[in-house]
Amino acid sequence: MKKTVLITGTSTGFGAATAYNFAEKGWNVIATMRDITMGKELSRLNNVLVTRLDVQDRKSIDAAITLAIEHFGKIDVLINNAGYGQFGIFESISREAILNQFEVNVFGVMDVIKAILPHFRSHKGGTIVNISSGAGAIGFPMASVYSASKFALEGLSEGLRYELASVGIKVKLIEPGGAMKTGFGTRMGSEIAALKPAEEYIPFLTRIGKLYGGMEGNSDPDAVEKVVAAIYDAALDNTHQLRYTPTNDIAPILKARRSTSEQAYQSFTDSLFLGE
């Protein structure tokens, strides 16, 4: 029997590319998104079911999982890809914007996992692949809220790994780089205009804007292909490996974070972000 994967956030980016990759490899694919009009091309594939799933709408989560099981009989892999990044000086970000970041990147993931676990347990197996970020291991300036949400996702995934292994379910984390590809450098002007940070932050914003602009230019050019390949490998990996870091752009900072002393890491990041 063909295996079946349910993927959230497949309208664009990693989600769309991942849906096409699994479909091309012969899987049944449930490609979910908030606006299904964005999935017209995917829906033309015979082994792809496009359906609505908004991670902030629990009824849509339940409906998508029920429809997927009715259509394909079973779900083998869940890929939690839906998410976005809230950027800006923390002091200037509204409480509502912070709550929304966590609603999508953390609580939405929790709700999708909770909804599918009874199905996985009934089949004594399944794999959950959560799309994190290098920012889930490193706190980036101008991305403190985004990093906080991804740190939470990492903690959730690591804790769940032990619980769910006891019932035959695997948990995987993908940590792409590419945080700098989100346009940090060009966001500085809009950050100042829209969020109106205190004037004292302006010199720091200017410096960080230049730094991130340079980092963006050095982002891994094959990031999408590498991330999609890592997601597929994680879905098939029968080992207990938790974290997969597919792109080269984040590797030096992750190595400093995980392979050196706290003092050495702080010295490295201070020189990077504070110019000290």
Protein backbone atom coordinates (compact mmCIF):
# COMPACT_ATOMS: atom_id res chain seq x y z
CA MET A 1 0.00 0.00 0.00
CA LYS A 2 1.08 3.54 -0.68
CA LYS A 3 2.06 5.58 2.33
CA THR A 4 0.21 8.79 3.10
CA VAL A 5 1.53 12.12 4.38
CA LEU A 6 -0.41 15.10 5.71
CA ILE A 7 1.41 18.43 5.34
CA THR A 8 0.31 21.78 6.79
CA GLY A 9 1.03 25.10 5.10
CA THR A 10 1.43 23.84 1.53
CA SER A 11 0.35 26.97 -0.36
CA THR A 12 3.94 28.22 -0.80
CA GLY A 13 7.56 27.71 0.24
CA PHE A 14 8.86 24.57 1.92
CA GLY A 15 5.33 23.21 2.28
CA ALA A 16 4.47 23.36 -1.41
CA ALA A 17 7.86 21.99 -2.45
CA THR A 18 7.53 19.16 0.07
CA ALA A 19 4.05 18.25 -1.18
CA TYR A 20 5.29 18.00 -4.77
CA ASN A 21 8.30 15.95 -3.67
CA PHE A 22 6.24 13.34 -1.82
CA ALA A 23 3.71 13.18 -4.67
CA GLU A 24 6.49 12.63 -7.22
CA LYS A 25 7.82 9.79 -5.09
CA GLY A 26 4.46 8.02 -5.21
CA TRP A 27 3.02 8.94 -1.82
CA ASN A 28 -0.58 9.89 -1.17
CA VAL A 29 -0.46 13.54 -0.11
CA ILE A 30 -2.94 15.57 1.91
CA ALA A 31 -1.85 19.11 1.07
CA THR A 32 -3.49 21.45 3.56
CA MET A 33 -3.66 25.23 3.63
CA ARG A 34 -5.87 28.05 4.86
CA ASP A 35 -6.89 29.15 1.37
CA ILE A 36 -7.43 26.17 -0.92
CA THR A 37 -7.55 28.39 -4.01
CA MET A 38 -3.75 28.48 -3.63
CA GLY A 39 -3.62 24.73 -4.25
CA LYS A 40 -5.05 24.51 -7.76
CA GLU A 41 -1.85 23.15 -9.30
CA LEU A 42 -1.37 20.57 -6.56
CA SER A 43 -4.98 19.43 -6.83
CA ARG A 44 -4.38 18.38 -10.45
CA LEU A 45 -2.17 15.51 -9.26
CA ASN A 46 -4.04 12.21 -8.89
CA ASN A 47 -2.45 11.26 -5.58
CA VAL A 48 -2.92 14.67 -3.91
CA LEU A 49 -5.91 15.75 -1.84
CA VAL A 50 -6.01 19.51 -1.25
CA THR A 51 -8.11 20.53 1.73
CA ARG A 52 -8.47 23.41 4.14
CA LEU A 53 -6.63 23.38 7.44
CA ASP A 54 -6.03 26.51 9.50
CA VAL A 55 -3.90 25.71 12.54
CA GLN A 56 -5.81 28.40 14.46
CA ASP A 57 -9.14 26.67 13.76
CA ARG A 58 -9.45 23.35 15.59
CA LYS A 59 -12.61 22.38 13.70
CA SER A 60 -10.71 22.67 10.42
CA ILE A 61 -7.91 20.49 11.87
CA ASP A 62 -10.33 17.74 12.86
CA ALA A 63 -12.19 17.98 9.54
CA ALA A 64 -8.97 17.73 7.48
CA ILE A 65 -7.74 14.66 9.38
CA THR A 66 -11.14 12.95 9.15
CA LEU A 67 -11.38 13.64 5.42
CA ALA A 68 -7.82 12.38 4.85
CA ILE A 69 -8.51 9.09 6.63
CA GLU A 70 -11.79 8.63 4.76
CA HIS A 71 -10.07 9.34 1.44
CA PHE A 72 -6.82 7.38 1.83
CA GLY A 73 -7.62 5.03 4.73
CA LYS A 74 -4.60 5.87 6.85
CA ILE A 75 -2.06 8.63 7.58
CA ASP A 76 1.54 7.54 8.09
CA VAL A 77 3.39 10.85 8.43
CA LEU A 78 2.45 14.33 9.69
CA ILE A 79 4.58 17.29 8.64
CA ASN A 80 3.93 20.43 10.67
CA ASN A 81 5.18 23.09 8.27
CA ALA A 82 2.68 25.95 8.72
CA GLY A 83 4.25 28.95 10.43
CA TYR A 84 5.62 32.44 9.96
CA GLY A 85 8.14 34.85 11.48
CA GLN A 86 7.31 37.93 13.56
CA PHE A 87 10.24 40.32 13.36
CA GLY A 88 11.04 43.62 15.03
CA ILE A 89 12.33 45.21 18.22
CA PHE A 90 10.57 43.34 21.04
CA GLU A 91 9.51 46.49 22.89
CA SER A 92 7.60 47.73 19.86
CA ILE A 93 5.74 44.49 19.06
CA SER A 94 2.15 44.41 20.33
CA ARG A 95 0.93 41.75 22.73
CA GLU A 96 -1.62 40.70 20.10
CA ALA A 97 1.14 40.10 17.54
CA ILE A 98 3.12 38.04 20.06
CA LEU A 99 0.08 35.93 20.92
CA ASN A 100 -0.60 35.34 17.23
CA GLN A 101 2.98 34.19 16.69
CA PHE A 102 2.57 31.55 19.38
CA GLU A 103 -0.95 30.62 18.23
CA VAL A 104 0.44 29.64 14.82
CA ASN A 105 3.96 28.38 15.53
CA VAL A 106 3.31 26.58 18.83
CA PHE A 107 -0.32 26.09 19.85
CA GLY A 108 -1.40 25.31 16.28
CA VAL A 109 1.26 22.60 16.05
CA MET A 110 0.14 21.21 19.40
CA ASP A 111 -3.48 21.07 18.24
CA VAL A 112 -2.62 19.25 15.01
CA ILE A 113 -0.47 16.72 16.88
CA LYS A 114 -3.16 16.12 19.50
CA ALA A 115 -5.75 15.60 16.79
CA ILE A 116 -3.74 12.95 14.93
CA LEU A 117 -2.29 11.01 17.87
CA PRO A 118 -5.33 8.74 18.42
CA HIS A 119 -5.05 7.66 14.76
CA PHE A 120 -1.32 7.00 15.05
CA ARG A 121 -1.78 5.06 18.30
CA SER A 122 -4.53 2.94 16.78
CA HIS A 123 -2.06 1.86 14.08
CA LYS A 124 0.80 1.48 16.57
CA GLY A 125 3.04 3.88 14.65
CA GLY A 126 3.50 7.09 12.75
CA THR A 127 6.04 9.86 12.26
CA ILE A 128 5.73 13.54 13.15
CA VAL A 129 8.12 15.95 11.41
CA ASN A 130 8.14 19.46 12.88
CA ILE A 131 9.71 22.26 10.84
CA SER A 132 11.72 24.36 13.25
CA SER A 133 14.56 26.75 12.36
CA GLY A 134 18.13 27.61 13.24
CA ALA A 135 16.35 30.31 15.24
CA GLY A 136 14.99 27.51 17.40
CA ALA A 137 18.47 27.00 18.82
CA ILE A 138 19.81 30.56 18.60
CA GLY A 139 18.17 33.78 19.74
CA PHE A 140 18.55 36.26 16.89
CA PRO A 141 18.16 40.01 17.47
CA MET A 142 15.10 41.42 15.73
CA ALA A 143 13.65 37.89 15.87
CA SER A 144 13.24 37.40 19.62
CA VAL A 145 9.53 36.56 19.38
CA TYR A 146 10.04 34.20 16.42
CA SER A 147 12.98 32.54 18.18
CA ALA A 148 10.91 32.16 21.35
CA SER A 149 8.19 30.32 19.39
CA LYS A 150 10.71 28.01 17.73
CA PHE A 151 12.53 27.38 21.04
CA ALA A 152 9.13 26.29 22.38
CA LEU A 153 8.64 23.98 19.38
CA GLU A 154 12.05 22.42 20.00
CA GLY A 155 11.25 21.79 23.66
CA LEU A 156 7.86 20.34 22.77
CA SER A 157 9.37 18.02 20.16
CA GLU A 158 12.17 16.81 22.42
CA GLY A 159 9.80 16.06 25.29
CA LEU A 160 7.28 14.37 23.00
CA ARG A 161 9.99 12.21 21.46
CA TYR A 162 10.28 10.16 24.66
CA GLU A 163 6.56 9.97 25.35
CA LEU A 164 5.61 8.93 21.85
CA ALA A 165 8.51 6.50 21.35
CA SER A 166 6.86 4.39 24.04
CA VAL A 167 3.86 3.86 21.71
CA GLY A 168 5.83 3.47 18.46
CA ILE A 169 5.56 7.04 17.16
CA LYS A 170 8.65 8.96 15.99
CA VAL A 171 9.24 12.72 16.32
CA LYS A 172 11.66 14.60 14.07
CA LEU A 173 12.85 18.23 13.92
CA ILE A 174 14.12 20.01 10.80
CA GLU A 175 16.31 23.05 11.52
CA PRO A 176 16.78 25.02 8.29
CA GLY A 177 18.97 28.06 8.04
CA GLY A 178 17.70 30.74 5.75
CA ALA A 179 16.39 32.98 8.54
CA MET A 180 18.33 35.75 6.85
CA LYS A 181 16.48 35.10 3.59
CA THR A 182 13.32 36.57 5.05
CA GLY A 183 14.42 40.07 4.12
CA PHE A 184 15.81 41.29 7.46
CA GLY A 185 17.98 43.83 5.71
CA THR A 186 15.09 45.45 3.85
CA ARG A 187 12.76 45.21 6.87
CA MET A 188 14.65 47.79 8.90
CA GLY A 189 12.98 50.75 7.22
CA SER A 190 9.50 49.27 7.52
CA GLU A 191 10.22 48.30 11.15
CA ILE A 192 11.06 51.89 11.99
CA ALA A 193 8.03 53.23 10.11
CA ALA A 194 5.40 50.68 11.16
CA LEU A 195 6.36 49.69 14.71
CA LYS A 196 8.01 52.98 15.65
CA PRO A 197 10.74 51.66 17.97
CA ALA A 198 12.26 54.09 20.45
CA GLU A 199 14.92 56.34 18.93
CA GLU A 200 17.57 54.78 21.15
CA TYR A 201 17.30 51.58 19.08
CA ILE A 202 17.92 53.26 15.71
CA PRO A 203 21.74 52.89 15.68
CA PHE A 204 21.38 49.20 16.57
CA LEU A 205 18.71 48.71 13.89
CA THR A 206 20.95 50.31 11.30
CA ARG A 207 23.89 48.10 12.21
CA ILE A 208 21.83 44.90 12.34
CA GLY A 209 20.16 45.77 9.04
CA LYS A 210 23.54 45.90 7.33
CA LEU A 211 24.68 42.70 9.04
CA TYR A 212 21.57 40.75 8.04
CA GLY A 213 21.71 42.16 4.54
CA GLY A 214 25.17 40.65 4.17
CA MET A 215 24.06 37.35 5.72
CA GLU A 216 21.13 37.17 3.35
CA GLY A 217 23.50 37.39 0.41
CA ASN A 218 25.43 34.41 1.80
CA SER A 219 22.39 32.19 2.37
CA ASP A 220 22.57 28.63 1.09
CA PRO A 221 21.46 28.85 -2.57
CA ASP A 222 20.12 25.29 -2.49
CA ALA A 223 18.22 25.71 0.78
CA VAL A 224 14.80 24.65 -0.51
CA GLU A 225 16.08 21.49 -2.17
CA LYS A 226 18.15 20.54 0.88
CA VAL A 227 15.30 21.14 3.32
CA VAL A 228 12.82 19.18 1.20
CA ALA A 229 15.29 16.28 0.96
CA ALA A 230 15.87 16.36 4.73
CA ILE A 231 12.12 16.28 5.40
CA TYR A 232 11.75 13.23 3.15
CA ASP A 233 14.72 11.49 4.75
CA ALA A 234 13.36 12.20 8.24
CA ALA A 235 9.97 10.76 7.27
CA LEU A 236 11.63 7.49 6.23
CA ASP A 237 14.34 7.37 8.89
CA ASN A 238 13.77 4.45 11.26
CA THR A 239 16.42 5.68 13.70
CA HIS A 240 15.80 7.74 16.81
CA GLN A 241 17.57 10.79 15.38
CA LEU A 242 15.69 13.93 16.45
CA ARG A 243 17.36 16.90 14.74
CA TYR A 244 18.29 17.41 11.07
CA THR A 245 20.17 20.53 9.97
CA PRO A 246 20.22 20.48 6.16
CA THR A 247 21.60 23.90 5.18
CA ASN A 248 25.16 25.18 5.46
CA ASP A 249 24.38 28.82 6.23
CA ILE A 250 23.39 28.20 9.85
CA ALA A 251 26.06 25.58 10.59
CA PRO A 252 28.82 27.85 12.04
CA ILE A 253 26.51 29.45 14.61
CA LEU A 254 24.87 26.13 15.51
CA LYS A 255 28.31 24.62 15.99
CA ALA A 256 29.28 27.49 18.27
CA ARG A 257 26.04 27.03 20.22
CA ARG A 258 26.29 23.27 20.67
CA SER A 259 29.99 22.42 20.50
CA THR A 260 31.70 25.16 22.51
CA SER A 261 31.54 26.57 26.01
CA GLU A 262 28.91 29.16 26.92
CA GLN A 263 31.68 31.77 27.24
CA ALA A 264 33.05 31.00 23.77
CA TYR A 265 29.56 31.06 22.26
CA GLN A 266 28.70 34.39 23.87
CA SER A 267 32.00 35.89 22.73
CA PHE A 268 31.31 34.74 19.18
CA THR A 269 27.76 36.07 19.07
CA ASP A 270 28.68 39.35 20.81
CA SER A 271 31.26 39.98 18.11
CA LEU A 272 28.65 39.16 15.48
CA PHE A 273 25.63 41.08 16.78
CA LEU A 274 27.14 43.74 19.05
CA GLY A 275 30.43 44.35 17.27
CA GLU A 276 32.38 43.71 20.48
